[in-house]
Amino acid sequence: MKKKETYESKTPKVYKSPKLNQSNFGDFTHTDYLVYLMLLSKLGGVDKNGKYLQPEELKREHTLSAKEFGQMFKVAQPHSYVALKKAVNKLLKTDITVPEDGTNSYWRINVCSQAKYVKDEGKINIKFTDDIMPYLKQVKERFMVYNLADISNFKSIYATRLFELLQEFKETGWMIKSLDELRHSFSVGSKYTNYGHFKSRTIVPACEEINKNYHMKVRFEEIKDGKSVTAIKFIFKPVLVLKLINETTGETKTRFIKHEKKIIDITSQTKLTKLKSTDKKLKPAPKKIKKNGGWLSSVIKFFRKK
C-alpha cells in the first residue's frame, strides 16, 4: 500500500481536545509536564490536501532527546538529562483524569504504554496508549492548538496550565471556571484548601507571569455565592480573527493573529537553568498581514514534507 503523503509543522505545535486540555495531571512537576507537551508536539501534521491527520494516522512511538528539550526550554544539557530520566517514570506511573461530558465523573487514562530512558544517547523513547489517542485527534471542531515555543518562558506549571485553558477562549477574551474546575486543571490535590491561599499561590502568580511574557492584559474577577467565592472570571485581550476567502471555491478559512510576545532580556544571565525574565520597554513592531490567494496554500506553507 502506498504510504500517505503527509507534512509536519515547521515549528513544534501542541494539539489537544478540550477534554484533555482540562484534565488533571496528577503529581506531574512543571518539568514533567513540559516533557509530556514536547512529546505531544511530535504528533501533529496534515495531508497533501491540508486536512489534519486523525488518530489512526498518527504515530504512537516517538523519541525526545535532551538536546531538543534543552534548546526549546532554555535548560542546560546536564539538567535536561535529569529531566528526561525522571519524566520516564512519571509518564508510565501517572495517569491523567479526564472529565466525562454531562456528568460529575472522570476517566483515568494512562499516557504511555512504554517508556525507556537511553542513558548513553541522552534520550527517551515512548509509546502513547491507544486510550489517549482519541483526545489528540485534530478535528476542526474546537481542538486546541498552540506553538510549543509560546510557553517556553513560563517557570510555573500554573502559568502554563492557565495559558492553555485561555487558548480555548482566545476569540472571546473571557473565561469562567469554577474553583473546583481550576483546582482540577491545576492538579493541586489537597493543597491550598483555603481559597485565599489557592488564589495567592496559583491564580495571582499565573496571571502575573502570563502578563510578564505577553501583551494579554489578563485579570480576574471573583464570582460569589453569598460571601463565598465559587468561580473565577478571567478577562484578557482576545486575539485578532481574520476570515480568509478562497477566491476559487468561495470557502472561508479562519486565521488567528496571536498575542504579541514581550521582549525578554536574557543577555546578562549566565545560568540557563535560572533565567530571570525582564521586560524591555520597546514598542512592539506592527504585524504585517499578507494577502492570501487561497486558504489551502496558506495552511500547507506552514508545514514541511516529512
C-alpha atoms as a PDB file:
ATOM      1  CA  MET A   1       0.000   0.000   0.000  1.00  0.00           C
ATOM      2  CA  LYS A   2       1.310   3.434  -0.935  1.00  0.00           C
ATOM      3  CA  LYS A   3       2.335   5.475   2.075  1.00  0.00           C
ATOM      4  CA  LYS A   4       0.195   8.554   2.618  1.00  0.00           C
ATOM      5  CA  GLU A   5       1.969  11.805   1.824  1.00  0.00           C
ATOM      6  CA  THR A   6       1.997  13.907   4.989  1.00  0.00           C
ATOM      7  CA  TYR A   7       3.518  17.163   6.204  1.00  0.00           C
ATOM      8  CA  GLU A   8       4.638  18.122   9.695  1.00  0.00           C
ATOM      9  CA  SER A   9       4.851  21.548  11.273  1.00  0.00           C
ATOM     10  CA  LYS A  10       7.991  23.638  10.820  1.00  0.00           C
ATOM     11  CA  THR A  11       7.595  24.748  14.425  1.00  0.00           C
ATOM     12  CA  PRO A  12       6.522  22.285  17.170  1.00  0.00           C
ATOM     13  CA  LYS A  13       2.795  22.600  17.916  1.00  0.00           C
ATOM     14  CA  VAL A  14       0.672  21.117  20.691  1.00  0.00           C
ATOM     15  CA  TYR A  15      -2.706  19.678  19.648  1.00  0.00           C
ATOM     16  CA  LYS A  16      -5.286  18.645  22.266  1.00  0.00           C
ATOM     17  CA  SER A  17      -9.017  18.173  22.610  1.00  0.00           C
ATOM     18  CA  PRO A  18     -10.720  20.447  25.171  1.00  0.00           C
ATOM     19  CA  LYS A  19     -11.269  17.444  27.461  1.00  0.00           C
ATOM     20  CA  LEU A  20      -7.579  16.634  27.534  1.00  0.00           C
ATOM     21  CA  ASN A  21      -6.732  20.318  27.959  1.00  0.00           C
ATOM     22  CA  GLN A  22      -8.907  20.468  31.079  1.00  0.00           C
ATOM     23  CA  SER A  23      -7.504  17.255  32.549  1.00  0.00           C
ATOM     24  CA  ASN A  24      -5.767  16.684  35.855  1.00  0.00           C
ATOM     25  CA  PHE A  25      -2.140  15.542  35.524  1.00  0.00           C
ATOM     26  CA  GLY A  26      -1.665  14.153  38.990  1.00  0.00           C
ATOM     27  CA  ASP A  27       1.740  14.783  40.520  1.00  0.00           C
ATOM     28  CA  PHE A  28       3.468  15.948  37.340  1.00  0.00           C
ATOM     29  CA  THR A  29       6.014  18.639  38.094  1.00  0.00           C
ATOM     30  CA  HIS A  30       6.305  21.524  35.656  1.00  0.00           C
ATOM     31  CA  THR A  31       9.321  19.832  34.058  1.00  0.00           C
ATOM     32  CA  ASP A  32       7.434  16.530  33.709  1.00  0.00           C
ATOM     33  CA  TYR A  33       4.576  18.386  32.076  1.00  0.00           C
ATOM     34  CA  LEU A  34       6.906  20.154  29.617  1.00  0.00           C
ATOM     35  CA  VAL A  35       8.385  16.788  28.585  1.00  0.00           C
ATOM     36  CA  TYR A  36       4.850  15.498  28.018  1.00  0.00           C
ATOM     37  CA  LEU A  37       3.928  18.577  25.929  1.00  0.00           C
ATOM     38  CA  MET A  38       7.056  18.270  23.801  1.00  0.00           C
ATOM     39  CA  LEU A  39       6.169  14.645  23.066  1.00  0.00           C
ATOM     40  CA  LEU A  40       2.651  15.745  22.086  1.00  0.00           C
ATOM     41  CA  SER A  41       4.141  18.286  19.695  1.00  0.00           C
ATOM     42  CA  LYS A  42       5.644  15.426  17.680  1.00  0.00           C
ATOM     43  CA  LEU A  43       2.193  14.066  16.802  1.00  0.00           C
ATOM     44  CA  GLY A  44       0.681  16.716  14.533  1.00  0.00           C
ATOM     45  CA  GLY A  45       0.557  17.115  10.775  1.00  0.00           C
ATOM     46  CA  VAL A  46      -1.595  17.494   7.658  1.00  0.00           C
ATOM     47  CA  ASP A  47      -2.016  15.509   4.452  1.00  0.00           C
ATOM     48  CA  LYS A  48      -1.371  16.867   0.955  1.00  0.00           C
ATOM     49  CA  ASN A  49      -4.911  18.327   0.893  1.00  0.00           C
ATOM     50  CA  GLY A  50      -4.326  20.331   4.078  1.00  0.00           C
ATOM     51  CA  LYS A  51      -6.506  18.040   6.250  1.00  0.00           C
ATOM     52  CA  TYR A  52      -5.343  17.333   9.781  1.00  0.00           C
ATOM     53  CA  LEU A  53      -4.224  13.772  10.494  1.00  0.00           C
ATOM     54  CA  GLN A  54      -6.623  11.662  12.557  1.00  0.00           C
ATOM     55  CA  PRO A  55      -5.841   9.251  15.457  1.00  0.00           C
ATOM     56  CA  GLU A  56      -5.399   6.181  13.255  1.00  0.00           C
ATOM     57  CA  GLU A  57      -2.892   8.118  11.102  1.00  0.00           C
ATOM     58  CA  LEU A  58      -0.769   9.408  13.983  1.00  0.00           C
ATOM     59  CA  LYS A  59       2.413   7.663  15.074  1.00  0.00           C
ATOM     60  CA  ARG A  60       2.331   6.275  18.617  1.00  0.00           C
ATOM     61  CA  GLU A  61       6.084   5.887  19.101  1.00  0.00           C
ATOM     62  CA  HIS A  62       8.330   8.934  19.495  1.00  0.00           C
ATOM     63  CA  THR A  63      11.804   9.937  20.656  1.00  0.00           C
ATOM     64  CA  LEU A  64      12.833  13.047  22.581  1.00  0.00           C
ATOM     65  CA  SER A  65      16.470  13.985  23.149  1.00  0.00           C
ATOM     66  CA  ALA A  66      17.969  16.035  25.966  1.00  0.00           C
ATOM     67  CA  LYS A  67      19.371  18.398  23.348  1.00  0.00           C
ATOM     68  CA  GLU A  68      15.906  19.075  21.860  1.00  0.00           C
ATOM     69  CA  PHE A  69      14.392  19.650  25.290  1.00  0.00           C
ATOM     70  CA  GLY A  70      17.214  21.947  26.401  1.00  0.00           C
ATOM     71  CA  GLN A  71      17.046  24.082  23.269  1.00  0.00           C
ATOM     72  CA  MET A  72      13.276  24.511  23.482  1.00  0.00           C
ATOM     73  CA  PHE A  73      13.060  25.380  27.189  1.00  0.00           C
ATOM     74  CA  LYS A  74      16.492  27.007  27.677  1.00  0.00           C
ATOM     75  CA  VAL A  75      17.748  24.307  30.049  1.00  0.00           C
ATOM     76  CA  ALA A  76      21.415  23.324  30.308  1.00  0.00           C
ATOM     77  CA  GLN A  77      22.000  19.878  28.806  1.00  0.00           C
ATOM     78  CA  PRO A  78      23.064  18.097  32.055  1.00  0.00           C
ATOM     79  CA  HIS A  79      19.768  19.194  33.626  1.00  0.00           C
ATOM     80  CA  SER A  80      17.890  18.041  30.520  1.00  0.00           C
ATOM     81  CA  TYR A  81      19.275  14.518  31.036  1.00  0.00           C
ATOM     82  CA  VAL A  82      17.939  14.508  34.599  1.00  0.00           C
ATOM     83  CA  ALA A  83      14.569  15.894  33.479  1.00  0.00           C
ATOM     84  CA  LEU A  84      14.065  13.167  30.870  1.00  0.00           C
ATOM     85  CA  LYS A  85      15.151  10.389  33.219  1.00  0.00           C
ATOM     86  CA  LYS A  86      12.662  11.489  35.896  1.00  0.00           C
ATOM     87  CA  ALA A  87       9.896  12.059  33.353  1.00  0.00           C
ATOM     88  CA  VAL A  88      10.127   8.449  32.098  1.00  0.00           C
ATOM     89  CA  ASN A  89       8.887   7.169  35.457  1.00  0.00           C
ATOM     90  CA  LYS A  90       6.125   9.770  35.668  1.00  0.00           C
ATOM     91  CA  LEU A  91       4.897   9.083  32.117  1.00  0.00           C
ATOM     92  CA  LEU A  92       4.458   5.389  32.944  1.00  0.00           C
ATOM     93  CA  LYS A  93       3.203   5.605  36.526  1.00  0.00           C
ATOM     94  CA  THR A  94       0.936   8.650  36.350  1.00  0.00           C
ATOM     95  CA  ASP A  95      -2.490   8.563  34.768  1.00  0.00           C
ATOM     96  CA  ILE A  96      -4.486  11.643  33.770  1.00  0.00           C
ATOM     97  CA  THR A  97      -8.040  12.335  34.860  1.00  0.00           C
ATOM     98  CA  VAL A  98     -10.344  13.395  32.031  1.00  0.00           C
ATOM     99  CA  PRO A  99     -13.858  14.806  32.701  1.00  0.00           C
ATOM    100  CA  GLU A 100     -16.833  12.959  31.227  1.00  0.00           C
ATOM    101  CA  ASP A 101     -19.444  15.062  29.410  1.00  0.00           C
ATOM    102  CA  GLY A 102     -22.693  15.752  31.247  1.00  0.00           C
ATOM    103  CA  THR A 103     -21.652  14.049  34.486  1.00  0.00           C
ATOM    104  CA  ASN A 104     -19.509  14.578  37.556  1.00  0.00           C
ATOM    105  CA  SER A 105     -17.474  11.509  36.606  1.00  0.00           C
ATOM    106  CA  TYR A 106     -13.915  11.281  35.313  1.00  0.00           C
ATOM    107  CA  TRP A 107     -11.988   8.818  33.202  1.00  0.00           C
ATOM    108  CA  ARG A 108      -8.487   7.821  34.351  1.00  0.00           C
ATOM    109  CA  ILE A 109      -6.217   7.240  31.357  1.00  0.00           C
ATOM    110  CA  ASN A 110      -2.563   6.217  31.147  1.00  0.00           C
ATOM    111  CA  VAL A 111      -0.397   8.429  28.949  1.00  0.00           C
ATOM    112  CA  CYS A 112       2.192   5.896  27.796  1.00  0.00           C
ATOM    113  CA  SER A 113       2.257   2.123  27.461  1.00  0.00           C
ATOM    114  CA  GLN A 114       6.049   2.071  27.104  1.00  0.00           C
ATOM    115  CA  ALA A 115       8.842   4.458  28.072  1.00  0.00           C
ATOM    116  CA  LYS A 116      12.609   3.949  28.028  1.00  0.00           C
ATOM    117  CA  TYR A 117      15.488   6.221  29.005  1.00  0.00           C
ATOM    118  CA  VAL A 118      18.544   5.635  26.787  1.00  0.00           C
ATOM    119  CA  LYS A 119      21.365   6.877  29.011  1.00  0.00           C
ATOM    120  CA  ASP A 120      24.238   6.678  26.503  1.00  0.00           C
ATOM    121  CA  GLU A 121      22.292   8.668  23.907  1.00  0.00           C
ATOM    122  CA  GLY A 122      20.590  11.116  26.262  1.00  0.00           C
ATOM    123  CA  LYS A 123      17.064  10.481  25.003  1.00  0.00           C
ATOM    124  CA  ILE A 124      13.764   8.816  25.841  1.00  0.00           C
ATOM    125  CA  ASN A 125      11.639   6.546  23.654  1.00  0.00           C
ATOM    126  CA  ILE A 126       7.918   6.372  24.413  1.00  0.00           C
ATOM    127  CA  LYS A 127       4.743   4.853  23.043  1.00  0.00           C
ATOM    128  CA  PHE A 128       1.399   6.585  23.620  1.00  0.00           C
ATOM    129  CA  THR A 129      -1.513   4.397  24.727  1.00  0.00           C
ATOM    130  CA  ASP A 130      -4.443   3.711  22.413  1.00  0.00           C
ATOM    131  CA  ASP A 131      -6.774   5.224  25.025  1.00  0.00           C
ATOM    132  CA  ILE A 132      -5.214   8.681  24.880  1.00  0.00           C
ATOM    133  CA  MET A 133      -5.131   8.951  21.074  1.00  0.00           C
ATOM    134  CA  PRO A 134      -8.799   9.998  20.591  1.00  0.00           C
ATOM    135  CA  TYR A 135      -8.102  13.018  22.824  1.00  0.00           C
ATOM    136  CA  LEU A 136      -5.287  14.054  20.497  1.00  0.00           C
ATOM    137  CA  LYS A 137      -7.350  13.967  17.312  1.00  0.00           C
ATOM    138  CA  GLN A 138      -7.048  17.024  15.143  1.00  0.00           C
ATOM    139  CA  VAL A 139     -10.541  17.990  14.116  1.00  0.00           C
ATOM    140  CA  LYS A 140     -11.842  21.359  13.000  1.00  0.00           C
ATOM    141  CA  GLU A 141     -14.333  21.465  15.866  1.00  0.00           C
ATOM    142  CA  ARG A 142     -12.566  23.080  18.771  1.00  0.00           C
ATOM    143  CA  PHE A 143      -9.353  21.195  19.166  1.00  0.00           C
ATOM    144  CA  MET A 144      -6.837  23.404  20.908  1.00  0.00           C
ATOM    145  CA  VAL A 145      -3.518  24.192  19.206  1.00  0.00           C
ATOM    146  CA  TYR A 146      -0.594  26.463  20.032  1.00  0.00           C
ATOM    147  CA  ASN A 147       3.127  26.678  19.289  1.00  0.00           C
ATOM    148  CA  LEU A 148       5.228  24.960  21.938  1.00  0.00           C
ATOM    149  CA  ALA A 149       7.533  27.994  21.985  1.00  0.00           C
ATOM    150  CA  ASP A 150       4.589  30.041  23.305  1.00  0.00           C
ATOM    151  CA  ILE A 151       5.027  28.542  26.773  1.00  0.00           C
ATOM    152  CA  SER A 152       8.814  28.144  26.712  1.00  0.00           C
ATOM    153  CA  ASN A 153       9.470  31.097  29.060  1.00  0.00           C
ATOM    154  CA  PHE A 154       6.987  30.080  31.761  1.00  0.00           C
ATOM    155  CA  LYS A 155       8.562  28.862  35.013  1.00  0.00           C
ATOM    156  CA  SER A 156       5.359  27.815  36.767  1.00  0.00           C
ATOM    157  CA  ILE A 157       3.018  24.951  35.905  1.00  0.00           C
ATOM    158  CA  TYR A 158       0.090  27.171  36.914  1.00  0.00           C
ATOM    159  CA  ALA A 159       1.038  29.810  34.322  1.00  0.00           C
ATOM    160  CA  THR A 160       1.389  27.105  31.667  1.00  0.00           C
ATOM    161  CA  ARG A 161      -1.939  25.489  32.563  1.00  0.00           C
ATOM    162  CA  LEU A 162      -3.816  28.808  32.741  1.00  0.00           C
ATOM    163  CA  PHE A 163      -2.342  29.877  29.390  1.00  0.00           C
ATOM    164  CA  GLU A 164      -3.557  26.596  27.862  1.00  0.00           C
ATOM    165  CA  LEU A 165      -7.053  26.997  29.301  1.00  0.00           C
ATOM    166  CA  LEU A 166      -7.298  30.559  27.967  1.00  0.00           C
ATOM    167  CA  GLN A 167      -6.451  29.339  24.449  1.00  0.00           C
ATOM    168  CA  GLU A 168      -9.881  27.705  24.247  1.00  0.00           C
ATOM    169  CA  PHE A 169     -11.452  31.152  24.619  1.00  0.00           C
ATOM    170  CA  LYS A 170      -8.930  33.242  22.705  1.00  0.00           C
ATOM    171  CA  GLU A 171     -11.637  34.649  20.405  1.00  0.00           C
ATOM    172  CA  THR A 172     -13.934  35.841  23.199  1.00  0.00           C
ATOM    173  CA  GLY A 173     -11.435  37.349  25.637  1.00  0.00           C
ATOM    174  CA  TRP A 174     -13.054  35.881  28.744  1.00  0.00           C
ATOM    175  CA  MET A 175     -13.408  32.537  30.530  1.00  0.00           C
ATOM    176  CA  ILE A 176     -15.338  31.404  33.608  1.00  0.00           C
ATOM    177  CA  LYS A 177     -14.140  28.444  35.669  1.00  0.00           C
ATOM    178  CA  SER A 178     -15.500  27.178  38.966  1.00  0.00           C
ATOM    179  CA  LEU A 179     -12.970  26.791  41.757  1.00  0.00           C
ATOM    180  CA  ASP A 180     -13.382  23.016  41.534  1.00  0.00           C
ATOM    181  CA  GLU A 181     -12.580  23.109  37.805  1.00  0.00           C
ATOM    182  CA  LEU A 182      -9.498  25.246  38.398  1.00  0.00           C
ATOM    183  CA  ARG A 183      -8.293  23.036  41.229  1.00  0.00           C
ATOM    184  CA  HIS A 184      -8.748  20.032  38.957  1.00  0.00           C
ATOM    185  CA  SER A 185      -6.885  21.547  35.981  1.00  0.00           C
ATOM    186  CA  PHE A 186      -4.113  22.919  38.211  1.00  0.00           C
ATOM    187  CA  SER A 187      -3.744  19.480  39.860  1.00  0.00           C
ATOM    188  CA  VAL A 188      -3.330  20.942  43.341  1.00  0.00           C
ATOM    189  CA  GLY A 189      -4.815  17.890  45.073  1.00  0.00           C
ATOM    190  CA  SER A 190      -5.244  18.516  48.791  1.00  0.00           C
ATOM    191  CA  LYS A 191      -3.062  21.638  48.773  1.00  0.00           C
ATOM    192  CA  TYR A 192      -4.392  25.177  49.221  1.00  0.00           C
ATOM    193  CA  THR A 193      -7.826  24.200  50.586  1.00  0.00           C
ATOM    194  CA  ASN A 194      -8.251  27.777  51.801  1.00  0.00           C
ATOM    195  CA  TYR A 195      -9.349  29.999  48.891  1.00  0.00           C
ATOM    196  CA  GLY A 196      -7.020  32.837  49.907  1.00  0.00           C
ATOM    197  CA  HIS A 197      -4.027  30.509  49.753  1.00  0.00           C
ATOM    198  CA  PHE A 198      -5.196  28.995  46.466  1.00  0.00           C
ATOM    199  CA  LYS A 199      -5.553  32.452  44.909  1.00  0.00           C
ATOM    200  CA  SER A 200      -2.198  33.765  46.141  1.00  0.00           C
ATOM    201  CA  ARG A 201      -0.253  30.594  45.210  1.00  0.00           C
ATOM    202  CA  THR A 202      -1.815  29.796  41.821  1.00  0.00           C
ATOM    203  CA  ILE A 203      -4.183  32.331  40.226  1.00  0.00           C
ATOM    204  CA  VAL A 204      -2.331  35.560  41.005  1.00  0.00           C
ATOM    205  CA  PRO A 205       1.198  34.405  40.075  1.00  0.00           C
ATOM    206  CA  ALA A 206      -0.125  32.666  36.933  1.00  0.00           C
ATOM    207  CA  CYS A 207      -1.766  35.885  35.706  1.00  0.00           C
ATOM    208  CA  GLU A 208       1.341  37.895  36.554  1.00  0.00           C
ATOM    209  CA  GLU A 209       3.657  35.522  34.691  1.00  0.00           C
ATOM    210  CA  ILE A 210       1.468  35.449  31.582  1.00  0.00           C
ATOM    211  CA  ASN A 211       1.302  39.252  31.550  1.00  0.00           C
ATOM    212  CA  LYS A 212       5.060  39.412  32.021  1.00  0.00           C
ATOM    213  CA  ASN A 213       5.537  37.437  28.809  1.00  0.00           C
ATOM    214  CA  TYR A 214       2.575  38.543  26.689  1.00  0.00           C
ATOM    215  CA  HIS A 215       0.527  41.635  25.931  1.00  0.00           C
ATOM    216  CA  MET A 216      -2.630  39.814  27.059  1.00  0.00           C
ATOM    217  CA  LYS A 217      -3.702  42.022  29.995  1.00  0.00           C
ATOM    218  CA  VAL A 218      -5.031  39.011  31.933  1.00  0.00           C
ATOM    219  CA  ARG A 219      -7.037  39.868  35.029  1.00  0.00           C
ATOM    220  CA  PHE A 220      -9.737  38.092  37.011  1.00  0.00           C
ATOM    221  CA  GLU A 221     -12.945  38.749  38.902  1.00  0.00           C
ATOM    222  CA  GLU A 222     -14.362  36.659  41.733  1.00  0.00           C
ATOM    223  CA  ILE A 223     -17.870  35.241  41.402  1.00  0.00           C
ATOM    224  CA  LYS A 224     -19.569  34.724  44.762  1.00  0.00           C
ATOM    225  CA  ASP A 225     -22.475  32.782  46.186  1.00  0.00           C
ATOM    226  CA  GLY A 226     -23.246  34.865  49.238  1.00  0.00           C
ATOM    227  CA  LYS A 227     -19.875  35.536  50.848  1.00  0.00           C
ATOM    228  CA  SER A 228     -18.114  32.510  49.370  1.00  0.00           C
ATOM    229  CA  VAL A 229     -16.122  32.636  46.129  1.00  0.00           C
ATOM    230  CA  THR A 230     -17.344  29.833  43.865  1.00  0.00           C
ATOM    231  CA  ALA A 231     -15.880  30.711  40.463  1.00  0.00           C
ATOM    232  CA  ILE A 232     -13.401  32.965  38.693  1.00  0.00           C
ATOM    233  CA  LYS A 233     -13.966  35.019  35.551  1.00  0.00           C
ATOM    234  CA  PHE A 234     -10.758  35.675  33.620  1.00  0.00           C
ATOM    235  CA  ILE A 235     -10.709  38.660  31.269  1.00  0.00           C
ATOM    236  CA  PHE A 236      -7.962  39.139  28.703  1.00  0.00           C
ATOM    237  CA  LYS A 237      -7.218  40.672  25.332  1.00  0.00           C
ATOM    238  CA  PRO A 238      -8.730  38.469  22.588  1.00  0.00           C
ATOM    239  CA  VAL A 239      -6.738  37.506  19.506  1.00  0.00           C
ATOM    240  CA  LEU A 240      -7.357  39.142  16.155  1.00  0.00           C
ATOM    241  CA  VAL A 241      -9.503  36.899  13.937  1.00  0.00           C
ATOM    242  CA  LEU A 242      -9.156  37.037  10.150  1.00  0.00           C
ATOM    243  CA  LYS A 243     -11.581  35.424   7.722  1.00  0.00           C
ATOM    244  CA  LEU A 244      -9.823  34.282   4.534  1.00  0.00           C
ATOM    245  CA  ILE A 245     -11.949  33.509   1.474  1.00  0.00           C
ATOM    246  CA  ASN A 246     -10.722  31.132  -1.200  1.00  0.00           C
ATOM    247  CA  GLU A 247     -11.255  33.072  -4.426  1.00  0.00           C
ATOM    248  CA  THR A 248     -11.710  29.856  -6.415  1.00  0.00           C
ATOM    249  CA  THR A 249     -14.035  27.811  -4.196  1.00  0.00           C
ATOM    250  CA  GLY A 250     -15.603  30.526  -2.055  1.00  0.00           C
ATOM    251  CA  GLU A 251     -14.728  28.589   1.105  1.00  0.00           C
ATOM    252  CA  THR A 252     -13.859  30.547   4.240  1.00  0.00           C
ATOM    253  CA  LYS A 253     -10.881  29.863   6.499  1.00  0.00           C
ATOM    254  CA  THR A 254     -10.298  31.414   9.928  1.00  0.00           C
ATOM    255  CA  ARG A 255      -6.824  32.562  10.937  1.00  0.00           C
ATOM    256  CA  PHE A 256      -5.795  33.936  14.324  1.00  0.00           C
ATOM    257  CA  ILE A 257      -3.181  36.651  14.836  1.00  0.00           C
ATOM    258  CA  LYS A 258      -1.541  35.679  18.114  1.00  0.00           C
ATOM    259  CA  HIS A 259      -0.898  37.899  21.114  1.00  0.00           C
ATOM    260  CA  GLU A 260       2.241  39.977  20.881  1.00  0.00           C
ATOM    261  CA  LYS A 261       5.063  38.386  22.857  1.00  0.00           C
ATOM    262  CA  LYS A 262       7.059  40.702  25.091  1.00  0.00           C
ATOM    263  CA  ILE A 263      10.793  41.092  24.557  1.00  0.00           C
ATOM    264  CA  ILE A 264      12.715  39.198  27.239  1.00  0.00           C
ATOM    265  CA  ASP A 265      16.252  40.298  28.120  1.00  0.00           C
ATOM    266  CA  ILE A 266      18.470  37.302  28.946  1.00  0.00           C
ATOM    267  CA  THR A 267      21.810  38.792  27.885  1.00  0.00           C
ATOM    268  CA  SER A 268      23.009  39.319  31.436  1.00  0.00           C
ATOM    269  CA  GLN A 269      22.155  35.777  32.522  1.00  0.00           C
ATOM    270  CA  THR A 270      24.805  33.069  32.601  1.00  0.00           C
ATOM    271  CA  LYS A 271      22.981  30.075  34.072  1.00  0.00           C
ATOM    272  CA  LEU A 272      20.367  28.779  31.660  1.00  0.00           C
ATOM    273  CA  THR A 273      18.583  26.908  34.412  1.00  0.00           C
ATOM    274  CA  LYS A 274      17.955  30.062  36.447  1.00  0.00           C
ATOM    275  CA  LEU A 275      16.828  32.661  33.952  1.00  0.00           C
ATOM    276  CA  LYS A 276      15.006  35.681  35.264  1.00  0.00           C
ATOM    277  CA  SER A 277      12.865  37.450  32.700  1.00  0.00           C
ATOM    278  CA  THR A 278      12.892  41.254  32.385  1.00  0.00           C
ATOM    279  CA  ASP A 279      10.643  43.166  30.051  1.00  0.00           C
ATOM    280  CA  LYS A 280      12.299  45.614  27.680  1.00  0.00           C
ATOM    281  CA  LYS A 281      10.169  48.670  27.221  1.00  0.00           C
ATOM    282  CA  LEU A 282      10.176  48.634  23.455  1.00  0.00           C
ATOM    283  CA  LYS A 283       7.275  49.425  21.234  1.00  0.00           C
ATOM    284  CA  PRO A 284       6.225  46.161  19.528  1.00  0.00           C
ATOM    285  CA  ALA A 285       6.658  46.162  15.767  1.00  0.00           C
ATOM    286  CA  PRO A 286       3.393  46.259  13.817  1.00  0.00           C
ATOM    287  CA  LYS A 287       2.344  42.946  12.315  1.00  0.00           C
ATOM    288  CA  LYS A 288       2.197  42.639   8.566  1.00  0.00           C
ATOM    289  CA  ILE A 289      -0.797  40.776   7.185  1.00  0.00           C
ATOM    290  CA  LYS A 290      -0.172  39.069   3.890  1.00  0.00           C
ATOM    291  CA  LYS A 291      -2.850  38.642   1.259  1.00  0.00           C
ATOM    292  CA  ASN A 292      -3.820  35.043   0.569  1.00  0.00           C
ATOM    293  CA  GLY A 293      -4.969  33.656  -2.769  1.00  0.00           C
ATOM    294  CA  GLY A 294      -6.488  30.581  -1.110  1.00  0.00           C
ATOM    295  CA  TRP A 295      -6.666  29.153   2.387  1.00  0.00           C
ATOM    296  CA  LEU A 296      -5.277  25.744   1.444  1.00  0.00           C
ATOM    297  CA  SER A 297      -1.961  27.162   0.277  1.00  0.00           C
ATOM    298  CA  SER A 298      -1.740  29.241   3.453  1.00  0.00           C
ATOM    299  CA  VAL A 299      -2.116  26.073   5.557  1.00  0.00           C
ATOM    300  CA  ILE A 300       0.371  23.986   3.562  1.00  0.00           C
ATOM    301  CA  LYS A 301       3.086  26.661   3.612  1.00  0.00           C
ATOM    302  CA  PHE A 302       3.338  26.316   7.412  1.00  0.00           C
ATOM    303  CA  PHE A 303       4.226  22.674   7.044  1.00  0.00           C
ATOM    304  CA  ARG A 304       7.168  20.881   5.502  1.00  0.00           C
ATOM    305  CA  LYS A 305       7.282  17.487   3.927  1.00  0.00           C
ATOM    306  CA  LYS A 306       8.183  14.604   6.271  1.00  0.00           C
END
